[in-house]
PDB file of N, CA and C in Angstrom:
ATOM      1  N   UNK A   1       0.863  14.976  -6.128  1.00  0.00           N
ATOM      2  CA  UNK A   1       1.840  15.858  -6.734  1.00  0.00           C
ATOM      3  C   UNK A   1       3.131  15.107  -7.024  1.00  0.00           C
ATOM      4  N   UNK A   2       3.471  14.213  -6.096  1.00  0.00           N
ATOM      5  CA  UNK A   2       4.727  13.489  -6.233  1.00  0.00           C
ATOM      6  C   UNK A   2       4.755  12.649  -7.510  1.00  0.00           C
ATOM      7  N   UNK A   3       3.642  12.056  -7.859  1.00  0.00           N
ATOM      8  CA  UNK A   3       3.575  11.200  -9.042  1.00  0.00           C
ATOM      9  C   UNK A   3       3.709  11.996 -10.341  1.00  0.00           C
ATOM     10  N   UNK A   4       3.350  13.262 -10.317  1.00  0.00           N
ATOM     11  CA  UNK A   4       3.358  14.079 -11.531  1.00  0.00           C
ATOM     12  C   UNK A   4       4.526  15.056 -11.612  1.00  0.00           C
ATOM     13  N   UNK A   5       5.504  14.904 -10.734  1.00  0.00           N
ATOM     14  CA  UNK A   5       6.639  15.836 -10.722  1.00  0.00           C
ATOM     15  C   UNK A   5       7.402  15.845 -12.033  1.00  0.00           C
ATOM     16  N   UNK A   6       7.473  14.705 -12.712  1.00  0.00           N
ATOM     17  CA  UNK A   6       8.227  14.645 -13.966  1.00  0.00           C
ATOM     18  C   UNK A   6       7.468  15.316 -15.116  1.00  0.00           C
ATOM     19  N   UNK A   7       6.153  15.451 -14.989  1.00  0.00           N
ATOM     20  CA  UNK A   7       5.347  16.034 -16.060  1.00  0.00           C
ATOM     21  C   UNK A   7       5.074  17.524 -15.880  1.00  0.00           C
ATOM     22  N   UNK A   8       4.904  17.953 -14.622  1.00  0.00           N
ATOM     23  CA  UNK A   8       4.523  19.338 -14.349  1.00  0.00           C
ATOM     24  C   UNK A   8       5.459  19.965 -13.328  1.00  0.00           C
ATOM     25  N   UNK A   9       5.551  21.271 -13.343  1.00  0.00           N
ATOM     26  CA  UNK A   9       6.342  21.985 -12.355  1.00  0.00           C
ATOM     27  C   UNK A   9       5.623  21.969 -11.012  1.00  0.00           C
ATOM     28  N   UNK A  10       6.394  21.811  -9.959  1.00  0.00           N
ATOM     29  CA  UNK A  10       5.830  21.773  -8.610  1.00  0.00           C
ATOM     30  C   UNK A  10       5.118  23.088  -8.302  1.00  0.00           C
ATOM     31  N   UNK A  11       5.683  24.184  -8.746  1.00  0.00           N
ATOM     32  CA  UNK A  11       5.097  25.505  -8.491  1.00  0.00           C
ATOM     33  C   UNK A  11       3.686  25.590  -9.080  1.00  0.00           C
ATOM     34  N   UNK A  12       3.525  25.116 -10.315  1.00  0.00           N
ATOM     35  CA  UNK A  12       2.211  25.192 -10.967  1.00  0.00           C
ATOM     36  C   UNK A  12       1.206  24.248 -10.315  1.00  0.00           C
ATOM     37  N   UNK A  13       1.661  23.049  -9.959  1.00  0.00           N
ATOM     38  CA  UNK A  13       0.755  22.107  -9.292  1.00  0.00           C
ATOM     39  C   UNK A  13       0.309  22.660  -7.945  1.00  0.00           C
ATOM     40  N   UNK A  14       1.240  23.251  -7.214  1.00  0.00           N
ATOM     41  CA  UNK A  14       0.911  23.815  -5.903  1.00  0.00           C
ATOM     42  C   UNK A  14      -0.113  24.937  -6.043  1.00  0.00           C
ATOM     43  N   UNK A  15       0.046  25.737  -7.068  1.00  0.00           N
ATOM     44  CA  UNK A  15      -0.879  26.851  -7.290  1.00  0.00           C
ATOM     45  C   UNK A  15      -2.281  26.331  -7.628  1.00  0.00           C
ATOM     46  N   UNK A  16      -2.355  25.334  -8.503  1.00  0.00           N
ATOM     47  CA  UNK A  16      -3.646  24.768  -8.900  1.00  0.00           C
ATOM     48  C   UNK A  16      -4.331  24.090  -7.714  1.00  0.00           C
ATOM     49  N   UNK A  17      -3.547  23.374  -6.906  1.00  0.00           N
ATOM     50  CA  UNK A  17      -4.106  22.645  -5.763  1.00  0.00           C
ATOM     51  C   UNK A  17      -4.258  23.513  -4.514  1.00  0.00           C
ATOM     52  N   UNK A  18      -3.792  24.746  -4.619  1.00  0.00           N
ATOM     53  CA  UNK A  18      -3.873  25.712  -3.520  1.00  0.00           C
ATOM     54  C   UNK A  18      -3.171  25.217  -2.257  1.00  0.00           C
ATOM     55  N   UNK A  19      -1.946  24.741  -2.455  1.00  0.00           N
ATOM     56  CA  UNK A  19      -1.073  24.354  -1.344  1.00  0.00           C
ATOM     57  C   UNK A  19       0.263  25.059  -1.541  1.00  0.00           C
ATOM     58  N   UNK A  20       1.051  25.128  -0.477  1.00  0.00           N
ATOM     59  CA  UNK A  20       2.352  25.774  -0.606  1.00  0.00           C
ATOM     60  C   UNK A  20       3.374  24.753  -1.093  1.00  0.00           C
ATOM     61  N   UNK A  21       4.311  25.211  -1.897  1.00  0.00           N
ATOM     62  CA  UNK A  21       5.340  24.285  -2.380  1.00  0.00           C
ATOM     63  C   UNK A  21       6.264  23.884  -1.236  1.00  0.00           C
ATOM     64  N   UNK A  22       6.457  24.766  -0.258  1.00  0.00           N
ATOM     65  CA  UNK A  22       7.300  24.414   0.890  1.00  0.00           C
ATOM     66  C   UNK A  22       6.654  23.296   1.707  1.00  0.00           C
ATOM     67  N   UNK A  23       5.328  23.307   1.787  1.00  0.00           N
ATOM     68  CA  UNK A  23       4.607  22.239   2.477  1.00  0.00           C
ATOM     69  C   UNK A  23       4.784  20.909   1.773  1.00  0.00           C
ATOM     70  N   UNK A  24       4.795  20.940   0.449  1.00  0.00           N
ATOM     71  CA  UNK A  24       5.013  19.716  -0.330  1.00  0.00           C
ATOM     72  C   UNK A  24       6.404  19.161  -0.075  1.00  0.00           C
ATOM     73  N   UNK A  25       7.406  20.023  -0.097  1.00  0.00           N
ATOM     74  CA  UNK A  25       8.777  19.554   0.136  1.00  0.00           C
ATOM     75  C   UNK A  25       8.962  19.083   1.582  1.00  0.00           C
ATOM     76  N   UNK A  26       8.268  19.706   2.520  1.00  0.00           N
ATOM     77  CA  UNK A  26       8.322  19.247   3.913  1.00  0.00           C
ATOM     78  C   UNK A  26       7.710  17.851   4.025  1.00  0.00           C
ATOM     79  N   UNK A  27       6.634  17.624   3.275  1.00  0.00           N
ATOM     80  CA  UNK A  27       5.995  16.306   3.252  1.00  0.00           C
ATOM     81  C   UNK A  27       6.964  15.244   2.724  1.00  0.00           C
ATOM     82  N   UNK A  28       7.726  15.587   1.699  1.00  0.00           N
ATOM     83  CA  UNK A  28       8.680  14.629   1.125  1.00  0.00           C
ATOM     84  C   UNK A  28       9.783  14.254   2.110  1.00  0.00           C
ATOM     85  N   UNK A  29      10.178  15.187   2.962  1.00  0.00           N
ATOM     86  CA  UNK A  29      11.267  14.938   3.916  1.00  0.00           C
ATOM     87  C   UNK A  29      10.795  14.195   5.161  1.00  0.00           C
ATOM     88  N   UNK A  30       9.491  14.170   5.390  1.00  0.00           N
ATOM     89  CA  UNK A  30       8.938  13.538   6.579  1.00  0.00           C
ATOM     90  C   UNK A  30       9.231  12.035   6.564  1.00  0.00           C
ATOM     91  N   UNK A  31       9.673  11.473   7.688  1.00  0.00           N
ATOM     92  CA  UNK A  31       9.930  10.025   7.729  1.00  0.00           C
ATOM     93  C   UNK A  31       8.622   9.243   7.687  1.00  0.00           C
ATOM     94  N   UNK A  32       8.727   7.977   7.300  1.00  0.00           N
ATOM     95  CA  UNK A  32       7.543   7.120   7.255  1.00  0.00           C
ATOM     96  C   UNK A  32       6.977   6.940   8.654  1.00  0.00           C
ATOM     97  N   UNK A  33       5.660   6.904   8.738  1.00  0.00           N
ATOM     98  CA  UNK A  33       5.006   6.683  10.030  1.00  0.00           C
ATOM     99  C   UNK A  33       5.113   5.206  10.410  1.00  0.00           C
ATOM    100  N   UNK A  34       4.868   4.919  11.678  1.00  0.00           N
ATOM    101  CA  UNK A  34       4.901   3.529  12.137  1.00  0.00           C
ATOM    102  C   UNK A  34       3.881   2.682  11.384  1.00  0.00           C
ATOM    103  N   UNK A  35       2.731   3.260  11.096  1.00  0.00           N
ATOM    104  CA  UNK A  35       1.679   2.538  10.377  1.00  0.00           C
ATOM    105  C   UNK A  35       2.134   2.183   8.964  1.00  0.00           C
ATOM    106  N   UNK A  36       2.799   3.111   8.286  1.00  0.00           N
ATOM    107  CA  UNK A  36       3.304   2.837   6.939  1.00  0.00           C
ATOM    108  C   UNK A  36       4.353   1.734   6.965  1.00  0.00           C
ATOM    109  N   UNK A  37       5.213   1.746   7.965  1.00  0.00           N
ATOM    110  CA  UNK A  37       6.241   0.712   8.102  1.00  0.00           C
ATOM    111  C   UNK A  37       5.582  -0.643   8.355  1.00  0.00           C
ATOM    112  N   UNK A  38       4.579  -0.673   9.250  1.00  0.00           N
ATOM    113  CA  UNK A  38       3.847  -1.918   9.529  1.00  0.00           C
ATOM    114  C   UNK A  38       3.133  -2.426   8.280  1.00  0.00           C
ATOM    115  N   UNK A  39       2.541  -1.517   7.512  1.00  0.00           N
ATOM    116  CA  UNK A  39       1.856  -1.915   6.284  1.00  0.00           C
ATOM    117  C   UNK A  39       2.831  -2.504   5.273  1.00  0.00           C
ATOM    118  N   UNK A  40       4.030  -1.939   5.168  1.00  0.00           N
ATOM    119  CA  UNK A  40       5.043  -2.475   4.258  1.00  0.00           C
ATOM    120  C   UNK A  40       5.454  -3.884   4.667  1.00  0.00           C
ATOM    121  N   UNK A  41       5.650  -4.096   5.970  1.00  0.00           N
ATOM    122  CA  UNK A  41       6.014  -5.429   6.458  1.00  0.00           C
ATOM    123  C   UNK A  41       4.879  -6.423   6.218  1.00  0.00           C
ATOM    124  N   UNK A  42       3.654  -6.004   6.497  1.00  0.00           N
ATOM    125  CA  UNK A  42       2.505  -6.876   6.287  1.00  0.00           C
ATOM    126  C   UNK A  42       2.330  -7.193   4.805  1.00  0.00           C
ATOM    127  N   UNK A  43       2.553  -6.215   3.944  1.00  0.00           N
ATOM    128  CA  UNK A  43       2.434  -6.440   2.505  1.00  0.00           C
ATOM    129  C   UNK A  43       3.447  -7.476   2.033  1.00  0.00           C
ATOM    130  N   UNK A  44       4.662  -7.430   2.564  1.00  0.00           N
ATOM    131  CA  UNK A  44       5.661  -8.436   2.204  1.00  0.00           C
ATOM    132  C   UNK A  44       5.217  -9.826   2.636  1.00  0.00           C
ATOM    133  N   UNK A  45       4.604  -9.930   3.816  1.00  0.00           N
ATOM    134  CA  UNK A  45       4.095 -11.223   4.291  1.00  0.00           C
ATOM    135  C   UNK A  45       2.942 -11.700   3.412  1.00  0.00           C
ATOM    136  N   UNK A  46       2.067 -10.776   3.028  1.00  0.00           N
ATOM    137  CA  UNK A  46       0.938 -11.115   2.157  1.00  0.00           C
ATOM    138  C   UNK A  46       1.452 -11.650   0.827  1.00  0.00           C
ATOM    139  N   UNK A  47       2.435 -10.966   0.249  1.00  0.00           N
ATOM    140  CA  UNK A  47       2.999 -11.404  -1.032  1.00  0.00           C
ATOM    141  C   UNK A  47       3.641 -12.777  -0.917  1.00  0.00           C
ATOM    142  N   UNK A  48       4.301 -13.047   0.211  1.00  0.00           N
ATOM    143  CA  UNK A  48       4.941 -14.348   0.412  1.00  0.00           C
ATOM    144  C   UNK A  48       3.896 -15.463   0.482  1.00  0.00           C
ATOM    145  N   UNK A  49       2.826 -15.251   1.236  1.00  0.00           N
ATOM    146  CA  UNK A  49       1.757 -16.256   1.347  1.00  0.00           C
ATOM    147  C   UNK A  49       1.075 -16.437  -0.006  1.00  0.00           C
ATOM    148  N   UNK A  50       0.824 -15.344  -0.697  1.00  0.00           N
ATOM    149  CA  UNK A  50       0.179 -15.379  -2.014  1.00  0.00           C
ATOM    150  C   UNK A  50       1.017 -16.192  -2.999  1.00  0.00           C
ATOM    151  N   UNK A  51       2.315 -15.923  -3.008  1.00  0.00           N
ATOM    152  CA  UNK A  51       3.216 -16.619  -3.932  1.00  0.00           C
ATOM    153  C   UNK A  51       3.354 -18.096  -3.557  1.00  0.00           C
ATOM    154  N   UNK A  52       3.437 -18.378  -2.254  1.00  0.00           N
ATOM    155  CA  UNK A  52       3.587 -19.755  -1.774  1.00  0.00           C
ATOM    156  C   UNK A  52       2.387 -20.612  -2.190  1.00  0.00           C
ATOM    157  N   UNK A  53       1.224 -19.992  -2.281  1.00  0.00           N
ATOM    158  CA  UNK A  53      -0.002 -20.709  -2.631  1.00  0.00           C
ATOM    159  C   UNK A  53      -0.415 -20.479  -4.088  1.00  0.00           C
ATOM    160  N   UNK A  54       0.535 -20.108  -4.921  1.00  0.00           N
ATOM    161  CA  UNK A  54       0.362 -19.992  -6.374  1.00  0.00           C
ATOM    162  C   UNK A  54      -0.729 -19.005  -6.790  1.00  0.00           C
ATOM    163  N   UNK A  55      -0.959 -17.999  -5.966  1.00  0.00           N
ATOM    164  CA  UNK A  55      -1.925 -16.962  -6.309  1.00  0.00           C
ATOM    165  C   UNK A  55      -3.377 -17.376  -6.161  1.00  0.00           C
ATOM    166  N   UNK A  56      -3.620 -18.516  -5.534  1.00  0.00           N
ATOM    167  CA  UNK A  56      -4.986 -19.016  -5.389  1.00  0.00           C
ATOM    168  C   UNK A  56      -5.686 -18.384  -4.193  1.00  0.00           C
ATOM    169  N   UNK A  57      -4.953 -18.116  -3.127  1.00  0.00           N
ATOM    170  CA  UNK A  57      -5.552 -17.591  -1.899  1.00  0.00           C
ATOM    171  C   UNK A  57      -6.024 -16.157  -2.078  1.00  0.00           C
ATOM    172  N   UNK A  58      -7.232 -15.890  -1.599  1.00  0.00           N
ATOM    173  CA  UNK A  58      -7.763 -14.535  -1.533  1.00  0.00           C
ATOM    174  C   UNK A  58      -7.515 -13.972  -0.142  1.00  0.00           C
ATOM    175  N   UNK A  59      -8.106 -12.830   0.141  1.00  0.00           N
ATOM    176  CA  UNK A  59      -7.824 -12.177   1.421  1.00  0.00           C
ATOM    177  C   UNK A  59      -8.287 -12.967   2.647  1.00  0.00           C
ATOM    178  N   UNK A  60      -9.408 -13.735   2.607  1.00  0.00           N
ATOM    179  CA  UNK A  60      -9.783 -14.469   3.828  1.00  0.00           C
ATOM    180  C   UNK A  60      -8.767 -15.553   4.197  1.00  0.00           C
ATOM    181  N   UNK A  61      -8.312 -16.310   3.205  1.00  0.00           N
ATOM    182  CA  UNK A  61      -7.351 -17.379   3.484  1.00  0.00           C
ATOM    183  C   UNK A  61      -5.981 -16.820   3.860  1.00  0.00           C
ATOM    184  N   UNK A  62      -5.592 -15.731   3.233  1.00  0.00           N
ATOM    185  CA  UNK A  62      -4.313 -15.108   3.585  1.00  0.00           C
ATOM    186  C   UNK A  62      -4.384 -14.579   5.015  1.00  0.00           C
ATOM    187  N   UNK A  63      -5.524 -13.994   5.393  1.00  0.00           N
ATOM    188  CA  UNK A  63      -5.696 -13.512   6.771  1.00  0.00           C
ATOM    189  C   UNK A  63      -5.578 -14.663   7.755  1.00  0.00           C
ATOM    190  N   UNK A  64      -6.233 -15.786   7.454  1.00  0.00           N
ATOM    191  CA  UNK A  64      -6.145 -16.957   8.336  1.00  0.00           C
ATOM    192  C   UNK A  64      -4.715 -17.453   8.462  1.00  0.00           C
ATOM    193  N   UNK A  65      -3.987 -17.435   7.365  1.00  0.00           N
ATOM    194  CA  UNK A  65      -2.604 -17.894   7.386  1.00  0.00           C
ATOM    195  C   UNK A  65      -1.709 -16.955   8.202  1.00  0.00           C
ATOM    196  N   UNK A  66      -2.041 -15.676   8.217  1.00  0.00           N
ATOM    197  CA  UNK A  66      -1.237 -14.685   8.937  1.00  0.00           C
ATOM    198  C   UNK A  66      -1.664 -14.507  10.394  1.00  0.00           C
ATOM    199  N   UNK A  67      -2.679 -15.213  10.832  1.00  0.00           N
ATOM    200  CA  UNK A  67      -3.166 -15.060  12.209  1.00  0.00           C
ATOM    201  C   UNK A  67      -2.063 -15.295  13.239  1.00  0.00           C
ATOM    202  N   UNK A  68      -1.131 -16.173  12.957  1.00  0.00           N
ATOM    203  CA  UNK A  68      -0.040 -16.461  13.893  1.00  0.00           C
ATOM    204  C   UNK A  68       0.970 -15.315  13.984  1.00  0.00           C
ATOM    205  N   UNK A  69       1.007 -14.452  12.968  1.00  0.00           N
ATOM    206  CA  UNK A  69       2.001 -13.374  12.916  1.00  0.00           C
ATOM    207  C   UNK A  69       1.470 -12.038  13.427  1.00  0.00           C
ATOM    208  N   UNK A  70       0.539 -12.049  14.343  1.00  0.00           N
ATOM    209  CA  UNK A  70       0.064 -10.784  14.893  1.00  0.00           C
ATOM    210  C   UNK A  70      -1.374 -10.475  14.568  1.00  0.00           C
ATOM    211  N   UNK A  71      -2.057 -11.374  13.893  1.00  0.00           N
ATOM    212  CA  UNK A  71      -3.495 -11.279  13.631  1.00  0.00           C
ATOM    213  C   UNK A  71      -3.933  -9.958  13.005  1.00  0.00           C
ATOM    214  N   UNK A  72      -3.579  -9.695  11.744  1.00  0.00           N
ATOM    215  CA  UNK A  72      -4.120  -8.505  11.084  1.00  0.00           C
ATOM    216  C   UNK A  72      -5.599  -8.735  10.776  1.00  0.00           C
ATOM    217  N   UNK A  73      -6.372  -7.685  10.709  1.00  0.00           N
ATOM    218  CA  UNK A  73      -7.793  -7.842  10.392  1.00  0.00           C
ATOM    219  C   UNK A  73      -7.955  -8.155   8.910  1.00  0.00           C
ATOM    220  N   UNK A  74      -9.054  -8.822   8.577  1.00  0.00           N
ATOM    221  CA  UNK A  74      -9.288  -9.170   7.175  1.00  0.00           C
ATOM    222  C   UNK A  74      -9.476  -7.910   6.334  1.00  0.00           C
ATOM    223  N   UNK A  75     -10.029  -6.853   6.937  1.00  0.00           N
ATOM    224  CA  UNK A  75     -10.220  -5.602   6.196  1.00  0.00           C
ATOM    225  C   UNK A  75      -8.886  -4.959   5.830  1.00  0.00           C
ATOM    226  N   UNK A  76      -7.927  -5.040   6.734  1.00  0.00           N
ATOM    227  CA  UNK A  76      -6.610  -4.458   6.465  1.00  0.00           C
ATOM    228  C   UNK A  76      -5.903  -5.244   5.366  1.00  0.00           C
ATOM    229  N   UNK A  77      -5.980  -6.573   5.436  1.00  0.00           N
ATOM    230  CA  UNK A  77      -5.374  -7.416   4.403  1.00  0.00           C
ATOM    231  C   UNK A  77      -6.046  -7.136   3.062  1.00  0.00           C
ATOM    232  N   UNK A  78      -7.376  -7.046   3.063  1.00  0.00           N
ATOM    233  CA  UNK A  78      -8.122  -6.763   1.836  1.00  0.00           C
ATOM    234  C   UNK A  78      -7.699  -5.423   1.234  1.00  0.00           C
ATOM    235  N   UNK A  79      -7.607  -4.397   2.080  1.00  0.00           N
ATOM    236  CA  UNK A  79      -7.238  -3.055   1.606  1.00  0.00           C
ATOM    237  C   UNK A  79      -5.851  -3.046   0.985  1.00  0.00           C
ATOM    238  N   UNK A  80      -4.883  -3.692   1.658  1.00  0.00           N
ATOM    239  CA  UNK A  80      -3.517  -3.718   1.137  1.00  0.00           C
ATOM    240  C   UNK A  80      -3.435  -4.507  -0.169  1.00  0.00           C
ATOM    241  N   UNK A  81      -4.168  -5.613  -0.246  1.00  0.00           N
ATOM    242  CA  UNK A  81      -4.165  -6.401  -1.480  1.00  0.00           C
ATOM    243  C   UNK A  81      -4.777  -5.606  -2.628  1.00  0.00           C
ATOM    244  N   UNK A  82      -5.902  -4.947  -2.371  1.00  0.00           N
ATOM    245  CA  UNK A  82      -6.569  -4.167  -3.411  1.00  0.00           C
ATOM    246  C   UNK A  82      -5.690  -3.007  -3.875  1.00  0.00           C
ATOM    247  N   UNK A  83      -5.062  -2.331  -2.924  1.00  0.00           N
ATOM    248  CA  UNK A  83      -4.218  -1.179  -3.242  1.00  0.00           C
ATOM    249  C   UNK A  83      -3.022  -1.576  -4.102  1.00  0.00           C
ATOM    250  N   UNK A  84      -2.530  -2.810  -3.923  1.00  0.00           N
ATOM    251  CA  UNK A  84      -1.346  -3.264  -4.639  1.00  0.00           C
ATOM    252  C   UNK A  84      -1.663  -4.221  -5.786  1.00  0.00           C
ATOM    253  N   UNK A  85      -2.932  -4.351  -6.131  1.00  0.00           N
ATOM    254  CA  UNK A  85      -3.332  -5.146  -7.287  1.00  0.00           C
ATOM    255  C   UNK A  85      -3.135  -6.644  -7.126  1.00  0.00           C
ATOM    256  N   UNK A  86      -3.224  -7.149  -5.901  1.00  0.00           N
ATOM    257  CA  UNK A  86      -3.062  -8.581  -5.650  1.00  0.00           C
ATOM    258  C   UNK A  86      -4.451  -9.204  -5.609  1.00  0.00           C
ATOM    259  N   UNK A  87      -4.735 -10.113  -6.565  1.00  0.00           N
ATOM    260  CA  UNK A  87      -6.046 -10.749  -6.645  1.00  0.00           C
ATOM    261  C   UNK A  87      -5.860 -12.252  -6.750  1.00  0.00           C
ATOM    262  N   UNK A  88      -6.791 -12.994  -6.167  1.00  0.00           N
ATOM    263  CA  UNK A  88      -6.726 -14.445  -6.271  1.00  0.00           C
ATOM    264  C   UNK A  88      -7.174 -14.870  -7.664  1.00  0.00           C
ATOM    265  N   UNK A  89      -6.666 -16.015  -8.090  1.00  0.00           N
ATOM    266  CA  UNK A  89      -7.078 -16.564  -9.375  1.00  0.00           C
ATOM    267  C   UNK A  89      -8.450 -17.190  -9.206  1.00  0.00           C
ATOM    268  N   UNK A  90      -9.323 -16.945 -10.166  1.00  0.00           N
ATOM    269  CA  UNK A  90     -10.683 -17.465 -10.109  1.00  0.00           C
ATOM    270  C   UNK A  90     -10.834 -18.546 -11.171  1.00  0.00           C
ATOM    271  N   UNK A  91     -11.420 -19.688 -10.791  1.00  0.00           N
ATOM    272  CA  UNK A  91     -11.643 -20.778 -11.738  1.00  0.00           C
ATOM    273  C   UNK A  91     -12.698 -20.370 -12.757  1.00  0.00           C
ATOM    274  N   UNK A  92     -12.508 -20.803 -13.989  1.00  0.00           N
ATOM    275  CA  UNK A  92     -13.466 -20.466 -15.049  1.00  0.00           C
ATOM    276  C   UNK A  92     -14.533 -21.521 -15.163  1.00  0.00           C
TER     277      UNK A  92
END
């Protein structure tokens, strides 16, 4: 709903999705969870490693490089990279 607020009225979206508009606004006011904060920090580290290695490293190598910083799982690194459109360059 948040992504479409500029195109549609919140009231109409809430009605179509069968949710309350007050629930939507309560969701917007909710602070970020610890997991979301950790994911943001990890994503910044992933981007730094990716940029440092000229976009060549994929998720396994980035995971290995981040092992010293708290050892995130390769699945978590993969998920965050995929969600944010970060892909390694592939040789032709």
